[in-house]
Amino acid sequence: MNSKPESPVAEPLYRKVSQTLIAQIASGKIAVGTVLPKELDLARQLGVSRVTLRLALDILEKGGMIQRVRKVGTRVIAGEMASSYVQQMDGLESTLRLAGQTSMRALDIATLEGVPDDGLAGIESATGYWLAVEGVRRLQGQTAHSTWTKVYLDNKYAGVTPFLKNEFDAVYLFVERLYGIGVHEIRHRISACVLDERIAQVLDLPVNTAALQVQAWLYAQDGSLIEYVRSVHNPALISIELQSKRSTA
């Protein structure tokens, strides 16, 4: 049984602000080398809060367009966003950051039963059905697709469906906002794969191209599954960096 989004949802304001700044820098209106106004002043100029501005600037910083320099301010260091992204997995916040650095667009939304993916083996759905969202991601400021992804949620969270029409950060964020459940723990499995015809078409790559596959299980504090996602990244655009430290205790 297929379900389709019913009503559009506005793109997050901080994303719009980041796109405005990216466009101004790319056009030369804000020249490379410029030190941006202080956050409070820039936020006033753009008509947004400092929180919104900081989220927008975070996208530009991760994309290599600006650099925050202590006692100097925020300097523009490049005229365009980086064409690739390194996802760091050294903590919950950094692991989730890919959602903010890329945008997702749903290609298909369906309601499935049983075990539609081997990553759900041994996991029961409270409703007996899964909401499956197939989508594609692109880096901010880029047009090429960086990631094919498929997200599975218990169908009890089907209330997120109307919010998946426009581009968005991540499905789990809608679950957090609508149902008051936060991501407390993430488990990952990283492996190599080759692209089948469907994924190759979405990523505009040849069939059987080697790629990076990441499976992720997002859990609430009570141990319940919020979201399971299988993502296949174009390795020329997305890479993974792991960091561990020896305990000093």
Protein backbone atom coordinates (compact mmCIF):
# COMPACT_ATOMS: atom_id res chain seq x y z
CA MET A 1 0.00 0.00 0.00
CA ASN A 2 1.53 3.32 -1.08
CA SER A 3 0.95 6.63 0.63
CA LYS A 4 1.84 10.06 -0.72
CA PRO A 5 2.60 13.32 1.07
CA GLU A 6 -0.50 15.46 1.34
CA SER A 7 0.72 18.99 1.98
CA PRO A 8 3.94 20.94 1.50
CA VAL A 9 6.06 22.05 4.45
CA ALA A 10 8.28 25.10 4.26
CA GLU A 11 12.01 24.51 4.08
CA PRO A 12 13.74 25.18 7.44
CA LEU A 13 14.58 28.87 7.82
CA TYR A 14 18.24 28.26 8.62
CA ARG A 15 18.56 26.31 5.34
CA LYS A 16 17.10 29.28 3.43
CA VAL A 17 19.53 31.61 5.19
CA SER A 18 22.48 29.34 4.32
CA GLN A 19 21.40 29.29 0.67
CA THR A 20 21.15 33.09 0.66
CA LEU A 21 24.67 33.44 2.04
CA ILE A 22 26.03 30.78 -0.35
CA ALA A 23 24.51 32.64 -3.30
CA GLN A 24 25.87 36.01 -2.14
CA ILE A 25 29.38 34.60 -1.76
CA ALA A 26 29.26 32.67 -5.04
CA SER A 27 28.13 35.79 -6.92
CA GLY A 28 30.86 37.93 -5.38
CA LYS A 29 28.44 40.15 -3.51
CA ILE A 30 30.32 38.97 -0.43
CA ALA A 31 33.93 38.67 -1.54
CA VAL A 32 36.35 35.95 -0.47
CA GLY A 33 38.46 37.38 2.35
CA THR A 34 35.59 39.38 3.79
CA VAL A 35 35.06 39.23 7.54
CA LEU A 36 31.32 38.92 8.10
CA PRO A 37 29.56 41.27 10.54
CA LYS A 38 29.24 40.10 14.13
CA GLU A 39 26.55 37.45 14.57
CA LEU A 40 24.10 39.81 16.26
CA ASP A 41 24.47 42.42 13.50
CA LEU A 42 24.31 39.86 10.67
CA ALA A 43 21.25 38.23 12.21
CA ARG A 44 19.54 41.62 12.32
CA GLN A 45 20.47 42.31 8.68
CA LEU A 46 18.97 38.98 7.63
CA GLY A 47 15.94 39.34 9.90
CA VAL A 48 16.53 36.09 11.79
CA SER A 49 17.53 34.98 15.27
CA ARG A 50 21.14 34.28 16.27
CA VAL A 51 20.23 30.60 16.69
CA THR A 52 18.99 30.42 13.09
CA LEU A 53 22.07 32.27 11.85
CA ARG A 54 24.45 29.96 13.72
CA LEU A 55 22.80 26.89 12.18
CA ALA A 56 23.16 28.48 8.73
CA LEU A 57 26.80 29.41 9.32
CA ASP A 58 27.50 25.87 10.52
CA ILE A 59 26.50 24.59 7.06
CA LEU A 60 28.87 27.06 5.38
CA GLU A 61 31.68 26.21 7.78
CA LYS A 62 31.35 22.47 7.20
CA GLY A 63 31.21 23.20 3.47
CA GLY A 64 34.54 25.05 3.62
CA MET A 65 33.21 28.50 2.67
CA ILE A 66 33.86 30.29 5.95
CA GLN A 67 36.22 29.99 8.88
CA ARG A 68 35.60 31.17 12.41
CA VAL A 69 38.76 32.84 13.75
CA ARG A 70 39.06 33.75 17.40
CA LYS A 71 39.29 37.52 18.01
CA VAL A 72 38.86 38.13 14.28
CA GLY A 73 35.40 36.84 13.44
CA THR A 74 33.93 34.79 10.62
CA ARG A 75 35.97 35.09 7.43
CA VAL A 76 34.90 33.99 3.95
CA ILE A 77 37.64 31.64 2.67
CA ALA A 78 36.12 30.09 -0.49
CA GLY A 79 33.73 31.11 -3.23
CA GLU A 80 31.84 27.81 -3.35
CA MET A 81 30.89 24.89 -1.14
CA ALA A 82 33.16 21.86 -0.97
CA SER A 83 32.28 19.13 -3.44
CA SER A 84 32.69 16.35 -0.86
CA TYR A 85 31.95 15.79 2.82
CA VAL A 86 33.69 13.79 5.55
CA GLN A 87 31.22 12.47 8.08
CA GLN A 88 32.86 12.23 11.49
CA MET A 89 31.64 9.58 13.91
CA ASP A 90 33.20 10.63 17.21
CA GLY A 91 29.99 11.38 19.06
CA LEU A 92 26.21 11.48 18.73
CA GLU A 93 26.06 15.09 17.53
CA SER A 94 28.77 14.74 14.89
CA THR A 95 27.26 11.46 13.69
CA LEU A 96 23.92 13.16 13.10
CA ARG A 97 25.51 16.16 11.39
CA LEU A 98 25.26 14.68 7.89
CA ALA A 99 21.53 15.40 8.05
CA GLY A 100 22.26 19.12 8.42
CA GLN A 101 25.01 19.20 5.82
CA THR A 102 22.88 17.48 3.19
CA SER A 103 19.24 17.72 2.21
CA MET A 104 16.96 14.75 1.51
CA ARG A 105 14.17 14.40 -1.02
CA ALA A 106 11.71 11.51 -0.88
CA LEU A 107 11.40 9.43 -4.05
CA ASP A 108 8.83 6.93 -2.79
CA ILE A 109 6.84 6.33 0.38
CA ALA A 110 5.23 2.96 1.05
CA THR A 111 3.69 0.96 3.89
CA LEU A 112 5.24 -2.53 4.12
CA GLU A 113 4.74 -5.53 6.37
CA GLY A 114 6.99 -8.38 7.47
CA VAL A 115 10.77 -7.87 7.33
CA PRO A 116 11.37 -5.63 4.30
CA ASP A 117 15.12 -5.27 4.98
CA ASP A 118 17.57 -7.62 6.67
CA GLY A 119 18.51 -4.79 9.03
CA LEU A 120 15.07 -5.20 10.61
CA ALA A 121 15.51 -8.92 11.30
CA GLY A 122 14.55 -9.66 14.89
CA ILE A 123 12.91 -6.25 15.36
CA GLU A 124 9.15 -6.22 15.76
CA SER A 125 6.88 -3.45 14.60
CA ALA A 126 4.23 -2.46 17.14
CA THR A 127 1.70 -2.10 14.32
CA GLY A 128 2.91 -4.98 12.14
CA TYR A 129 3.75 -2.48 9.39
CA TRP A 130 6.72 -0.31 8.45
CA LEU A 131 6.69 3.12 6.86
CA ALA A 132 9.41 2.93 4.18
CA VAL A 133 10.80 6.17 2.76
CA GLU A 134 13.17 5.92 -0.20
CA GLY A 135 15.09 9.11 -0.84
CA VAL A 136 18.14 10.80 -2.22
CA ARG A 137 20.52 13.28 -0.61
CA ARG A 138 22.66 16.07 -2.01
CA LEU A 139 25.28 18.26 -0.37
CA GLN A 140 24.30 21.85 0.38
CA GLY A 141 25.16 24.04 -2.58
CA GLN A 142 25.59 21.04 -4.91
CA THR A 143 23.27 19.53 -7.51
CA ALA A 144 24.80 16.04 -7.77
CA HIS A 145 23.20 13.32 -5.65
CA SER A 146 25.58 12.12 -2.96
CA THR A 147 23.51 9.42 -1.26
CA TRP A 148 20.68 6.98 -1.93
CA THR A 149 18.88 6.16 1.29
CA LYS A 150 15.94 4.12 2.56
CA VAL A 151 14.43 4.83 5.94
CA TYR A 152 12.14 2.47 7.87
CA LEU A 153 9.95 3.52 10.80
CA ASP A 154 7.24 1.72 12.71
CA ASN A 155 3.99 2.72 11.03
CA LYS A 156 2.84 4.21 14.35
CA TYR A 157 4.96 7.19 13.25
CA ALA A 158 3.08 7.55 9.95
CA GLY A 159 2.07 11.03 11.05
CA VAL A 160 5.38 12.27 9.60
CA THR A 161 4.23 11.47 6.05
CA PRO A 162 2.70 14.88 5.19
CA PHE A 163 6.01 16.54 6.09
CA LEU A 164 8.06 14.65 3.51
CA LYS A 165 7.06 16.48 0.34
CA ASN A 166 9.75 19.15 0.16
CA GLU A 167 13.45 18.71 0.86
CA PHE A 168 14.20 18.13 4.52
CA ASP A 169 17.07 17.24 6.87
CA ALA A 170 16.03 13.82 8.15
CA VAL A 171 12.93 11.76 8.86
CA TYR A 172 13.83 11.15 12.51
CA LEU A 173 13.68 14.91 13.18
CA PHE A 174 9.96 14.89 12.37
CA VAL A 175 9.48 11.94 14.75
CA GLU A 176 11.26 13.91 17.48
CA ARG A 177 9.13 17.00 16.91
CA LEU A 178 5.76 15.29 16.46
CA TYR A 179 6.06 12.54 19.06
CA GLY A 180 8.43 14.09 21.62
CA ILE A 181 10.96 11.25 21.31
CA GLY A 182 14.67 12.03 21.07
CA VAL A 183 17.51 9.97 19.58
CA HIS A 184 19.54 8.63 22.48
CA GLU A 185 21.75 6.02 20.84
CA ILE A 186 22.92 5.11 17.34
CA ARG A 187 24.42 1.86 16.09
CA HIS A 188 26.22 1.73 12.75
CA ARG A 189 27.40 -0.92 10.35
CA ILE A 190 29.71 0.21 7.53
CA SER A 191 30.44 -2.01 4.54
CA ALA A 192 31.40 -1.95 0.88
CA CYS A 193 28.82 -2.65 -1.81
CA VAL A 194 28.29 -2.44 -5.54
CA LEU A 195 25.49 -0.42 -7.07
CA ASP A 196 22.47 -2.21 -8.46
CA GLU A 197 20.55 -0.68 -11.35
CA ARG A 198 18.15 1.33 -9.20
CA ILE A 199 20.75 2.96 -6.95
CA ALA A 200 23.18 3.51 -9.83
CA GLN A 201 20.45 5.39 -11.69
CA VAL A 202 19.69 7.59 -8.68
CA LEU A 203 23.38 8.41 -8.09
CA ASP A 204 24.09 8.77 -11.81
CA LEU A 205 26.89 6.19 -11.66
CA PRO A 206 27.56 3.00 -13.66
CA VAL A 207 25.94 -0.23 -12.47
CA ASN A 208 28.30 -2.34 -10.30
CA THR A 209 30.32 0.70 -9.22
CA ALA A 210 31.90 0.19 -5.78
CA ALA A 211 30.27 2.33 -3.09
CA LEU A 212 30.08 2.85 0.66
CA GLN A 213 27.06 1.44 2.50
CA VAL A 214 26.07 2.54 5.99
CA GLN A 215 23.29 0.96 8.02
CA ALA A 216 22.15 2.86 11.10
CA TRP A 217 19.74 2.06 13.92
CA LEU A 218 18.49 5.05 15.91
CA TYR A 219 17.09 4.28 19.36
CA ALA A 220 15.12 6.24 21.93
CA GLN A 221 16.19 6.32 25.57
CA ASP A 222 13.80 3.47 26.41
CA GLY A 223 15.55 1.24 23.85
CA SER A 224 12.78 1.39 21.25
CA LEU A 225 13.73 1.80 17.60
CA ILE A 226 12.96 5.24 16.17
CA GLU A 227 14.42 4.66 12.73
CA TYR A 228 16.45 2.17 10.73
CA VAL A 229 18.16 3.53 7.65
CA ARG A 230 20.27 2.01 4.89
CA SER A 231 22.34 4.57 2.97
CA VAL A 232 24.61 4.10 -0.02
CA HIS A 233 27.08 6.95 -0.52
CA ASN A 234 28.92 8.00 -3.64
CA PRO A 235 32.49 7.53 -2.31
CA ALA A 236 33.71 10.46 -4.39
CA LEU A 237 31.38 12.77 -2.42
CA ILE A 238 30.98 11.22 1.05
CA SER A 239 33.56 9.55 3.26
CA ILE A 240 33.53 8.39 6.89
CA GLU A 241 36.03 9.34 9.58
CA LEU A 242 36.13 7.47 12.91
CA GLN A 243 37.92 8.83 15.96
CA SER A 244 38.62 7.10 19.28
CA LYS A 245 40.60 8.12 22.35
CA ARG A 246 42.27 5.98 24.97
CA SER A 247 40.70 6.38 28.38
CA THR A 248 42.88 8.25 30.90
CA ALA A 249 41.25 6.50 33.85
